[in-house]
Protein backbone atom coordinates (compact mmCIF):
# COMPACT_ATOMS: atom_id res chain seq x y z
CA UNK A 1 55.78 -24.98 -21.23
CA UNK A 2 52.49 -23.73 -19.80
CA UNK A 3 50.65 -22.03 -22.67
CA UNK A 4 48.05 -20.49 -20.37
CA UNK A 5 50.65 -18.20 -18.84
CA UNK A 6 52.20 -16.95 -22.09
CA UNK A 7 51.44 -13.46 -23.44
CA UNK A 8 52.84 -11.11 -26.07
CA UNK A 9 53.15 -7.35 -25.61
CA UNK A 10 53.30 -5.09 -28.66
CA UNK A 11 54.64 -1.60 -27.97
CA UNK A 12 54.04 0.60 -31.02
CA UNK A 13 56.28 3.56 -30.26
CA UNK A 14 57.49 6.57 -32.20
CA UNK A 15 61.12 5.42 -32.44
CA UNK A 16 60.79 1.64 -32.19
CA UNK A 17 58.24 -1.15 -32.25
CA UNK A 18 58.85 -3.92 -29.72
CA UNK A 19 57.25 -7.37 -29.60
CA UNK A 20 57.98 -9.22 -26.35
CA UNK A 21 56.93 -12.76 -25.41
CA UNK A 22 56.89 -13.76 -21.76
CA UNK A 23 55.40 -16.06 -19.16
CA UNK A 24 55.30 -16.28 -15.37
CA UNK A 25 57.68 -18.81 -13.85
CA UNK A 26 57.04 -20.89 -10.73
CA UNK A 27 58.16 -17.96 -8.54
CA UNK A 28 55.72 -15.51 -10.10
CA UNK A 29 58.47 -13.65 -11.97
CA UNK A 30 58.30 -12.82 -15.67
CA UNK A 31 60.48 -14.96 -17.92
CA UNK A 32 61.13 -13.35 -21.32
CA UNK A 33 61.04 -16.04 -24.01
CA UNK A 34 61.85 -13.76 -26.92
CA UNK A 35 61.89 -10.16 -28.09
CA UNK A 36 61.92 -8.48 -31.47
CA UNK A 37 62.30 -4.82 -32.30
CA UNK A 38 62.18 -2.78 -35.46
CA UNK A 39 62.60 0.89 -36.28
CA UNK A 40 59.25 2.66 -36.25
CA UNK A 41 58.92 4.49 -39.55
CA UNK A 42 55.19 5.20 -39.74
CA UNK A 43 54.45 6.64 -36.28
CA UNK A 44 54.69 10.30 -35.28
CA UNK A 45 54.22 11.32 -31.64
CA UNK A 46 52.43 8.07 -30.89
CA UNK A 47 50.00 8.39 -33.82
CA UNK A 48 50.14 6.17 -36.92
CA UNK A 49 50.86 8.36 -39.95
CA UNK A 50 51.82 5.66 -42.44
CA UNK A 51 49.84 2.40 -42.30
CA UNK A 52 52.06 0.46 -44.73
CA UNK A 53 55.35 1.29 -43.01
CA UNK A 54 53.89 0.58 -39.56
CA UNK A 55 52.64 -2.84 -40.70
CA UNK A 56 56.09 -3.67 -42.08
CA UNK A 57 57.76 -2.64 -38.82
CA UNK A 58 55.29 -4.72 -36.76
CA UNK A 59 55.92 -7.77 -38.98
CA UNK A 60 59.70 -7.38 -38.61
CA UNK A 61 59.46 -7.15 -34.80
CA UNK A 62 57.06 -10.11 -34.61
CA UNK A 63 59.25 -12.24 -36.89
CA UNK A 64 62.35 -11.55 -34.81
CA UNK A 65 60.48 -12.43 -31.59
CA UNK A 66 59.18 -15.65 -33.16
CA UNK A 67 62.65 -16.69 -34.32
CA UNK A 68 64.15 -16.03 -30.91
CA UNK A 69 61.44 -17.93 -29.01
CA UNK A 70 60.58 -20.69 -31.55
CA UNK A 71 56.94 -19.76 -31.11
CA UNK A 72 54.38 -18.44 -33.57
CA UNK A 73 52.52 -15.36 -32.36
CA UNK A 74 48.77 -15.23 -32.89
CA UNK A 75 47.50 -12.46 -30.61
CA UNK A 76 49.02 -9.52 -28.76
CA UNK A 77 48.37 -7.08 -25.94
CA UNK A 78 48.66 -3.66 -27.59
CA UNK A 79 49.63 -0.42 -25.89
CA UNK A 80 47.96 2.83 -26.92
CA UNK A 81 49.33 6.33 -26.37
CA UNK A 82 49.91 9.44 -28.47
CA UNK A 83 49.12 13.13 -28.46
CA UNK A 84 45.43 12.45 -29.15
CA UNK A 85 44.97 10.98 -25.65
CA UNK A 86 43.35 13.23 -23.05
CA UNK A 87 41.77 12.66 -19.66
CA UNK A 88 39.01 14.24 -17.60
CA UNK A 89 37.33 13.92 -14.24
CA UNK A 90 33.63 13.16 -13.99
CA UNK A 91 31.08 12.43 -11.25
CA UNK A 92 27.98 10.35 -11.86
CA UNK A 93 25.28 8.66 -9.80
CA UNK A 94 22.35 6.25 -9.95
CA UNK A 95 19.22 5.99 -7.79
CA UNK A 96 18.59 2.41 -6.73
CA UNK A 97 15.01 1.20 -6.88
CA UNK A 98 15.15 -0.83 -3.69
CA UNK A 99 17.35 0.61 -0.95
CA UNK A 100 16.58 -2.41 1.28
CA UNK A 101 18.82 -4.56 -0.93
CA UNK A 102 22.58 -4.30 -0.56
CA UNK A 103 24.66 -2.73 -3.33
CA UNK A 104 25.74 -5.43 -5.77
CA UNK A 105 27.85 -5.80 -8.88
CA UNK A 106 24.95 -4.90 -11.18
CA UNK A 107 24.66 -1.50 -9.46
CA UNK A 108 28.36 -0.82 -10.13
CA UNK A 109 27.79 -1.98 -13.73
CA UNK A 110 24.90 0.44 -14.18
CA UNK A 111 26.92 3.34 -12.78
CA UNK A 112 29.91 2.62 -15.05
CA UNK A 113 27.59 2.20 -18.04
CA UNK A 114 26.21 5.69 -17.33
CA UNK A 115 29.73 7.06 -17.74
CA UNK A 116 30.26 5.15 -21.00
CA UNK A 117 27.11 6.82 -22.34
CA UNK A 118 28.65 10.28 -21.96
CA UNK A 119 28.76 12.31 -25.17
CA UNK A 120 32.36 13.01 -26.16
CA UNK A 121 33.71 15.48 -28.71
CA UNK A 122 33.20 14.47 -32.37
CA UNK A 123 35.61 11.69 -33.35
CA UNK A 124 36.48 10.73 -29.75
CA UNK A 125 35.67 7.67 -27.72
CA UNK A 126 36.21 6.56 -24.12
CA UNK A 127 39.16 4.19 -23.65
CA UNK A 128 39.24 3.70 -19.88
CA UNK A 129 36.79 4.50 -17.06
CA UNK A 130 38.74 4.37 -13.79
CA UNK A 131 36.70 4.75 -10.53
CA UNK A 132 38.31 6.94 -7.87
CA UNK A 133 36.03 6.77 -4.86
CA UNK A 134 32.36 6.17 -4.13
CA UNK A 135 29.62 7.90 -2.15
CA UNK A 136 26.59 6.11 -0.71
CA UNK A 137 23.75 8.40 0.34
CA UNK A 138 26.23 11.26 0.71
CA UNK A 139 28.76 9.29 2.76
CA UNK A 140 32.08 9.96 1.02
CA UNK A 141 35.50 8.27 0.75
CA UNK A 142 34.15 4.76 0.26
CA UNK A 143 36.58 2.45 -1.51
CA UNK A 144 34.31 -0.61 -1.72
CA UNK A 145 30.54 0.01 -1.78
CA UNK A 146 29.49 -3.60 -2.38
CA UNK A 147 27.46 -5.04 0.48
CA UNK A 148 26.37 -1.62 1.79
CA UNK A 149 22.80 -0.32 2.01
CA UNK A 150 21.79 2.90 0.27
CA UNK A 151 19.53 4.40 -2.36
CA UNK A 152 21.94 6.82 -4.08
CA UNK A 153 25.22 5.43 -5.37
CA UNK A 154 27.69 8.05 -6.62
CA UNK A 155 31.30 7.92 -7.78
CA UNK A 156 34.13 10.08 -9.10
CA UNK A 157 35.73 8.74 -12.27
CA UNK A 158 38.95 9.34 -14.15
CA UNK A 159 38.11 9.00 -17.84
CA UNK A 160 40.71 8.48 -20.58
CA UNK A 161 39.58 9.54 -24.06
CA UNK A 162 41.20 9.05 -27.48
CA UNK A 163 40.55 9.72 -31.15
CA UNK A 164 38.52 6.94 -32.81
CA UNK A 165 40.50 7.25 -36.05
CA UNK A 166 43.85 6.84 -34.26
CA UNK A 167 42.60 3.80 -32.34
CA UNK A 168 41.20 2.27 -35.56
CA UNK A 169 44.50 2.86 -37.37
CA UNK A 170 46.42 0.98 -34.68
CA UNK A 171 43.86 -1.83 -34.86
CA UNK A 172 44.14 -1.97 -38.64
CA UNK A 173 47.96 -2.20 -38.46
CA UNK A 174 47.78 -5.09 -35.97
CA UNK A 175 45.05 -6.92 -37.89
CA UNK A 176 46.87 -6.44 -41.22
CA UNK A 177 49.95 -8.03 -39.62
CA UNK A 178 47.86 -11.23 -39.18
CA UNK A 179 47.52 -10.70 -35.44
CA UNK A 180 44.55 -10.56 -33.10
CA UNK A 181 44.14 -7.89 -30.40
CA UNK A 182 43.92 -9.86 -27.13
CA UNK A 183 43.74 -6.67 -25.07
CA UNK A 184 44.47 -2.98 -25.38
CA UNK A 185 45.69 -0.71 -22.60
CA UNK A 186 46.99 2.80 -22.04
CA UNK A 187 50.79 2.70 -22.20
CA UNK A 188 51.42 4.72 -19.00
CA UNK A 189 49.36 2.11 -17.11
CA UNK A 190 51.49 -0.66 -18.63
CA UNK A 191 54.73 1.16 -17.72
CA UNK A 192 53.43 1.67 -14.19
CA UNK A 193 52.78 -2.07 -13.92
CA UNK A 194 56.44 -2.72 -14.76
CA UNK A 195 58.31 -0.14 -12.67
CA UNK A 196 56.12 0.97 -9.74
CA UNK A 197 55.64 -0.87 -6.46
CA UNK A 198 52.29 -1.06 -4.69
CA UNK A 199 53.78 0.91 -1.79
CA UNK A 200 54.65 3.79 -4.14
CA UNK A 201 51.14 3.79 -5.59
CA UNK A 202 49.70 3.95 -2.08
CA UNK A 203 52.04 6.73 -0.94
CA UNK A 204 51.53 8.84 -4.06
CA UNK A 205 53.84 8.78 -7.07
CA UNK A 206 54.24 10.36 -10.51
CA UNK A 207 55.26 8.07 -13.37
CA UNK A 208 56.99 9.95 -16.20
CA UNK A 209 57.58 7.80 -19.28
CA UNK A 210 59.84 9.75 -21.68
CA UNK A 211 59.48 8.12 -25.07
CA UNK A 212 60.66 9.13 -28.51
CA UNK A 213 57.63 11.16 -29.56
CA UNK A 214 55.68 11.77 -26.34
CA UNK A 215 56.10 11.96 -22.59
CA UNK A 216 53.38 10.05 -20.72
CA UNK A 217 52.42 11.05 -17.19
CA UNK A 218 50.43 8.95 -14.72
CA UNK A 219 49.79 9.95 -11.09
CA UNK A 220 48.83 7.36 -8.46
CA UNK A 221 47.59 7.95 -4.91
CA UNK A 222 46.08 5.49 -2.42
CA UNK A 223 46.69 2.72 -4.93
CA UNK A 224 44.41 4.32 -7.53
CA UNK A 225 45.34 6.18 -10.70
CA UNK A 226 44.32 9.81 -10.22
CA UNK A 227 45.60 11.68 -13.27
CA UNK A 228 46.97 10.91 -16.74
CA UNK A 229 48.37 13.15 -19.46
CA UNK A 230 50.32 12.88 -22.71
CA UNK A 231 52.83 15.65 -23.46
CA UNK A 232 53.65 15.89 -27.20
CA UNK A 233 57.42 16.15 -26.62
CA UNK A 234 59.98 13.39 -26.21
CA UNK A 235 63.51 12.31 -27.03
CA UNK A 236 63.08 12.99 -30.75
CA UNK A 237 62.64 16.73 -30.15
CA UNK A 238 65.93 16.79 -28.26
CA UNK A 239 67.61 15.04 -31.19
CA UNK A 240 66.03 17.53 -33.60
CA UNK A 241 67.36 20.46 -31.56
CA UNK A 242 70.88 18.98 -31.59
CA UNK A 243 70.62 18.44 -35.34
CA UNK A 244 69.63 22.06 -35.96
CA UNK A 245 71.90 23.60 -33.33
CA UNK A 246 75.04 21.74 -34.43
CA UNK A 247 74.22 21.57 -38.18
CA UNK A 248 74.66 17.81 -38.38
CA UNK A 249 72.51 14.95 -39.70
CA UNK A 250 69.92 13.21 -37.51
CA UNK A 251 71.88 9.97 -37.10
CA UNK A 252 74.91 11.86 -35.78
CA UNK A 253 72.69 13.95 -33.49
CA UNK A 254 71.16 10.81 -31.96
CA UNK A 255 74.60 9.26 -31.37
CA UNK A 256 75.86 12.51 -29.80
CA UNK A 257 72.86 12.59 -27.46
CA UNK A 258 73.32 8.97 -26.36
CA UNK A 259 77.12 8.91 -25.97
CA UNK A 260 78.00 12.44 -24.85
CA UNK A 261 74.70 14.15 -24.01
CA UNK A 262 73.98 15.57 -20.56
CA UNK A 263 71.00 17.46 -19.19
CA UNK A 264 73.27 19.44 -16.83
CA UNK A 265 75.59 21.95 -18.62
CA UNK A 266 77.79 22.51 -15.58
CA UNK A 267 79.18 18.97 -15.87
CA UNK A 268 81.13 19.77 -19.05
CA UNK A 269 84.21 21.96 -19.36
CA UNK A 270 84.68 24.52 -22.12
CA UNK A 271 87.61 22.64 -23.69
CA UNK A 272 85.81 19.28 -24.05
CA UNK A 273 85.37 18.78 -27.79
CA UNK A 274 84.02 15.89 -29.87
CA UNK A 275 84.85 15.54 -33.56
CA UNK A 276 82.12 14.50 -36.01
CA UNK A 277 83.21 13.00 -39.37
CA UNK A 278 82.43 15.23 -42.35
CA UNK A 279 80.06 14.18 -45.12
CA UNK A 280 81.54 12.81 -48.36
CA UNK A 281 85.16 13.78 -47.67
CA UNK A 282 84.40 17.14 -46.04
CA UNK A 283 86.35 18.38 -43.04
CA UNK A 284 85.34 16.92 -39.63
CA UNK A 285 83.09 19.13 -37.49
CA UNK A 286 84.15 19.93 -33.93
CA UNK A 287 81.37 20.31 -31.35
CA UNK A 288 81.74 21.58 -27.80
CA UNK A 289 80.19 19.23 -25.26
CA UNK A 290 79.20 22.23 -23.15
CA UNK A 291 77.21 23.69 -26.04
CA UNK A 292 75.70 20.26 -26.65
CA UNK A 293 74.52 19.98 -23.05
CA UNK A 294 73.08 23.52 -23.19
CA UNK A 295 70.94 22.54 -26.17
CA UNK A 296 69.76 19.37 -24.40
CA UNK A 297 69.21 21.22 -21.12
CA UNK A 298 66.88 23.80 -22.68
CA UNK A 299 64.57 21.18 -24.21
CA UNK A 300 64.59 18.84 -21.20
CA UNK A 301 63.66 21.73 -18.89
CA UNK A 302 60.70 22.47 -21.18
CA UNK A 303 59.53 18.85 -20.93
CA UNK A 304 59.97 18.78 -17.14
CA UNK A 305 58.04 22.03 -16.75
CA UNK A 306 55.15 20.53 -18.73
CA UNK A 307 55.24 17.49 -16.43
CA UNK A 308 55.32 19.76 -13.37
CA UNK A 309 52.30 21.64 -14.73
CA UNK A 310 50.36 18.36 -14.87
CA UNK A 311 51.40 17.61 -11.28
CA UNK A 312 50.11 21.04 -10.25
CA UNK A 313 46.87 20.45 -12.15
CA UNK A 314 46.40 17.30 -10.09
CA UNK A 315 46.67 19.46 -6.95
CA UNK A 316 49.61 17.75 -5.23
CA UNK A 317 49.99 20.61 -2.72
CA UNK A 318 46.76 19.58 -0.95
CA UNK A 319 47.29 17.46 2.16
CA UNK A 320 45.19 14.57 0.85
CA UNK A 321 47.03 14.61 -2.48
CA UNK A 322 50.63 14.60 -1.26
CA UNK A 323 52.95 12.57 -3.48
CA UNK A 324 55.29 11.09 -0.89
CA UNK A 325 57.07 8.73 -3.32
CA UNK A 326 57.97 11.60 -5.66
CA UNK A 327 58.70 10.99 -9.36
CA UNK A 328 59.75 7.81 -11.18
CA UNK A 329 61.35 8.34 -14.61
CA UNK A 330 61.27 5.57 -17.21
CA UNK A 331 61.35 5.15 -20.98
CA UNK A 332 64.33 5.62 -23.29
CA UNK A 333 64.59 9.35 -22.48
CA UNK A 334 65.19 8.61 -18.79
CA UNK A 335 68.65 7.22 -19.69
CA UNK A 336 69.94 10.72 -20.50
CA UNK A 337 72.79 11.62 -18.15
CA UNK A 338 71.93 13.81 -15.15
CA UNK A 339 68.22 13.97 -16.02
CA UNK A 340 67.36 12.70 -12.52
CA UNK A 341 69.24 15.59 -10.91
CA UNK A 342 67.61 18.11 -13.24
CA UNK A 343 64.10 16.82 -12.46
CA UNK A 344 64.81 17.09 -8.73
CA UNK A 345 66.14 20.63 -9.23
CA UNK A 346 63.11 21.84 -11.24
CA UNK A 347 60.35 20.11 -9.24
CA UNK A 348 61.89 19.80 -5.79
CA UNK A 349 60.56 16.22 -5.62
CA UNK A 350 62.48 13.00 -4.92
CA UNK A 351 63.23 11.22 -8.19
CA UNK A 352 64.45 7.80 -9.22
CA UNK A 353 64.90 5.95 -12.53
CA UNK A 354 62.38 3.12 -12.99
CA UNK A 355 63.76 -0.23 -14.16
CA UNK A 356 61.43 -3.18 -14.90
CA UNK A 357 63.90 -5.72 -13.47
CA UNK A 358 61.91 -6.16 -10.23
CA UNK A 359 59.33 -8.27 -12.09
CA UNK A 360 61.81 -10.14 -14.29
CA UNK A 361 63.25 -13.57 -13.57
CA UNK A 362 66.86 -13.53 -12.35
CA UNK A 363 68.18 -15.28 -15.48
CA UNK A 364 66.68 -12.63 -17.80
CA UNK A 365 68.95 -10.77 -20.20
CA UNK A 366 70.17 -7.42 -18.86
CA UNK A 367 68.82 -5.74 -22.00
CA UNK A 368 65.23 -6.39 -20.87
CA UNK A 369 65.90 -4.45 -17.66
CA UNK A 370 66.40 -1.20 -19.58
CA UNK A 371 63.84 1.56 -18.95
CA UNK A 372 63.39 1.68 -22.74
CA UNK A 373 61.50 -1.64 -22.51
CA UNK A 374 59.37 -0.79 -19.46
CA UNK A 375 56.19 -0.43 -21.54
CA UNK A 376 56.75 -3.74 -23.36
CA UNK A 377 57.38 -5.57 -20.07
CA UNK A 378 54.25 -3.98 -18.59
CA UNK A 379 52.14 -5.09 -21.57
CA UNK A 380 53.35 -8.68 -21.13
CA UNK A 381 52.56 -8.49 -17.40
CA UNK A 382 49.06 -7.27 -18.26
CA UNK A 383 48.68 -10.18 -20.67
CA UNK A 384 49.79 -12.94 -18.28
CA UNK A 385 47.72 -11.56 -15.39
CA UNK A 386 44.39 -11.36 -17.22
CA UNK A 387 42.08 -14.30 -17.83
CA UNK A 388 41.91 -14.41 -21.60
CA UNK A 389 38.80 -16.03 -23.04
CA UNK A 390 40.08 -16.06 -26.62
CA UNK A 391 42.96 -18.00 -28.16
CA UNK A 392 46.27 -17.82 -26.39
CA UNK A 393 48.95 -15.80 -28.07
CA UNK A 394 51.30 -18.54 -29.28
CA UNK A 395 51.27 -21.90 -31.02
CA UNK A 396 54.05 -24.43 -31.39
CA UNK A 397 55.50 -24.20 -34.93
CA UNK A 398 57.41 -27.46 -34.48
CA UNK A 399 54.11 -29.33 -34.62
CA UNK A 400 53.35 -28.15 -38.15
CA UNK A 401 51.60 -31.38 -39.18
CA UNK A 402 49.05 -30.95 -36.44
CA UNK A 403 49.01 -27.26 -35.62
CA UNK A 404 47.19 -26.47 -32.41
CA UNK A 405 46.20 -23.13 -31.00
CA UNK A 406 46.23 -23.16 -27.22
CA UNK A 407 43.05 -21.80 -25.71
CA UNK A 408 42.24 -20.56 -22.25
CA UNK A 409 39.39 -22.39 -20.53
CA UNK A 410 36.22 -20.60 -21.59
CA UNK A 411 34.48 -18.57 -18.92
CA UNK A 412 30.91 -19.85 -18.52
CA UNK A 413 28.04 -17.39 -18.69
CA UNK A 414 25.90 -17.16 -15.54
CA UNK A 415 22.66 -19.12 -15.64
CA UNK A 416 19.48 -16.97 -15.91
CA UNK A 417 18.31 -18.25 -12.52
CA UNK A 418 21.72 -17.81 -10.90
CA UNK A 419 21.84 -16.43 -7.36
CA UNK A 420 22.83 -12.78 -6.95
CA UNK A 421 26.22 -13.73 -5.51
CA UNK A 422 27.19 -15.09 -8.91
CA UNK A 423 26.09 -12.13 -11.01
CA UNK A 424 28.63 -10.47 -13.30
CA UNK A 425 30.90 -8.01 -11.56
CA UNK A 426 32.84 -5.13 -13.04
CA UNK A 427 36.47 -5.07 -11.96
CA UNK A 428 37.15 -1.61 -10.56
CA UNK A 429 40.81 -2.27 -9.84
CA UNK A 430 43.00 -0.55 -12.48
CA UNK A 431 45.89 -2.89 -11.57
CA UNK A 432 43.57 -5.75 -12.67
CA UNK A 433 45.15 -8.45 -10.53
CA UNK A 434 42.21 -10.75 -11.15
CA UNK A 435 42.66 -12.27 -7.68
CA UNK A 436 39.67 -12.97 -5.42
CA UNK A 437 39.64 -11.46 -1.96
CA UNK A 438 41.08 -13.73 0.70
CA UNK A 439 37.89 -13.66 2.76
CA UNK A 440 35.58 -14.53 -0.15
CA UNK A 441 33.41 -17.57 0.31
CA UNK A 442 33.11 -20.39 -2.20
CA UNK A 443 30.22 -18.70 -4.01
CA UNK A 444 32.10 -15.46 -4.45
CA UNK A 445 35.14 -17.32 -5.74
CA UNK A 446 32.97 -19.03 -8.30
CA UNK A 447 31.57 -15.67 -9.30
CA UNK A 448 35.12 -14.37 -9.60
CA UNK A 449 35.78 -17.03 -12.23
CA UNK A 450 32.80 -15.80 -14.23
CA UNK A 451 33.28 -12.07 -14.06
CA UNK A 452 35.09 -9.91 -16.59
CA UNK A 453 36.44 -6.45 -15.80
CA UNK A 454 35.26 -3.32 -17.59
CA UNK A 455 38.63 -3.01 -19.38
CA UNK A 456 38.18 -6.53 -20.76
CA UNK A 457 34.61 -5.69 -21.83
CA UNK A 458 35.91 -2.61 -23.63
CA UNK A 459 38.63 -4.69 -25.30
CA UNK A 460 35.99 -7.21 -26.44
CA UNK A 461 33.89 -4.41 -27.95
CA UNK A 462 37.02 -3.00 -29.59
CA UNK A 463 37.88 -6.35 -31.18
CA UNK A 464 34.31 -6.79 -32.42
CA UNK A 465 34.39 -3.25 -33.77
CA UNK A 466 37.60 -4.01 -35.68
CA UNK A 467 36.25 -7.29 -37.05
CA UNK A 468 33.05 -5.63 -38.25
CA UNK A 469 34.83 -2.65 -39.74
CA UNK A 470 37.87 -4.34 -41.26
């Protein structure tokens, strides 16, 4: 087993908490070594509301994953989402002191650092800074400014912001479960990693991840993320509506939704009835499937309209912002019958259901291919693709007499007198493939081994912040 390629994704959702262990095989596909899941009792709409219950759920999921894989988990890649997440667009610039020198990594660093210094609302902090496009001396639509001459370097950024308290609470739950945070990423970005192809991201696509408590939206165009949003509605609100509308308990409402639910009322006939057992010897309750689908339809339309509003806010009707690849639905809520047809009807855009099986090894269990596990698969993919500088996420429990924590090779710091070609570079690619360009020379490849992306830098600061605070 190659420990350097193993990673653990921890998806802390509203309905379930999933711990998934995986590694890349010789064909570059993801091999799932083990998975554990537990009911999420302390999370509401993506936000931790009960620390103790969330810790217990995390420990249960981790323990199940460890038992299935015969590995002991030490660190995890954590997904962050929730109704406290918001995004904004921002433009910033720097004036370079010497325009006779070409633009280098340090200039990109300075520009991104300017954005990180922005003053947010009280209690908020910047999670991701995602560059859109650059301008050099007024010349627009530049994807890669490095190596160009110019005195004014400007860029448009997509900034993702979250509540500090919510982020700290997630960190506390992970740390209290005796785990280290190897990395932290926005869950829609992780889901996109699992279910979207590069061609779709280039053509323009909307990822809609319908979870239990929230619906996450991420819009890609020209291979770059352009817009993100979190809608505070998900599958749980549909279940709640069924519970109230049919006067049944929540467990029965959830089963009704999964087994007989449909987002399209016209599919059910008036005489189709399902019988629900009565409580404590009471008479069974008969429920019309047509009425059930009407209840589901009303709430799903509301969610889709909120998604469509975000698509309009992005400005998809402009020629340069056309979303040719349409909409990709994923998450547990995407498994609702006829939801694809309803999304196409409301938005008029081509729609498909996103399965993470494209990245999974052929011998993987069919369960892992479910859209409900797209985020967990994406988090593992993020983990195995990044160059971790801290301890690897698993140790071998069979070697208990001589326990050993696998470590990634440490990334050396650049020497003070190092040439400019080896200076630290910020990774502006949100897909974070960590692969050097094919036409890079030996010096640039060496620099690529030394550089850390801005998401990794933020994760390092986050870990230090947790260690200092907790």
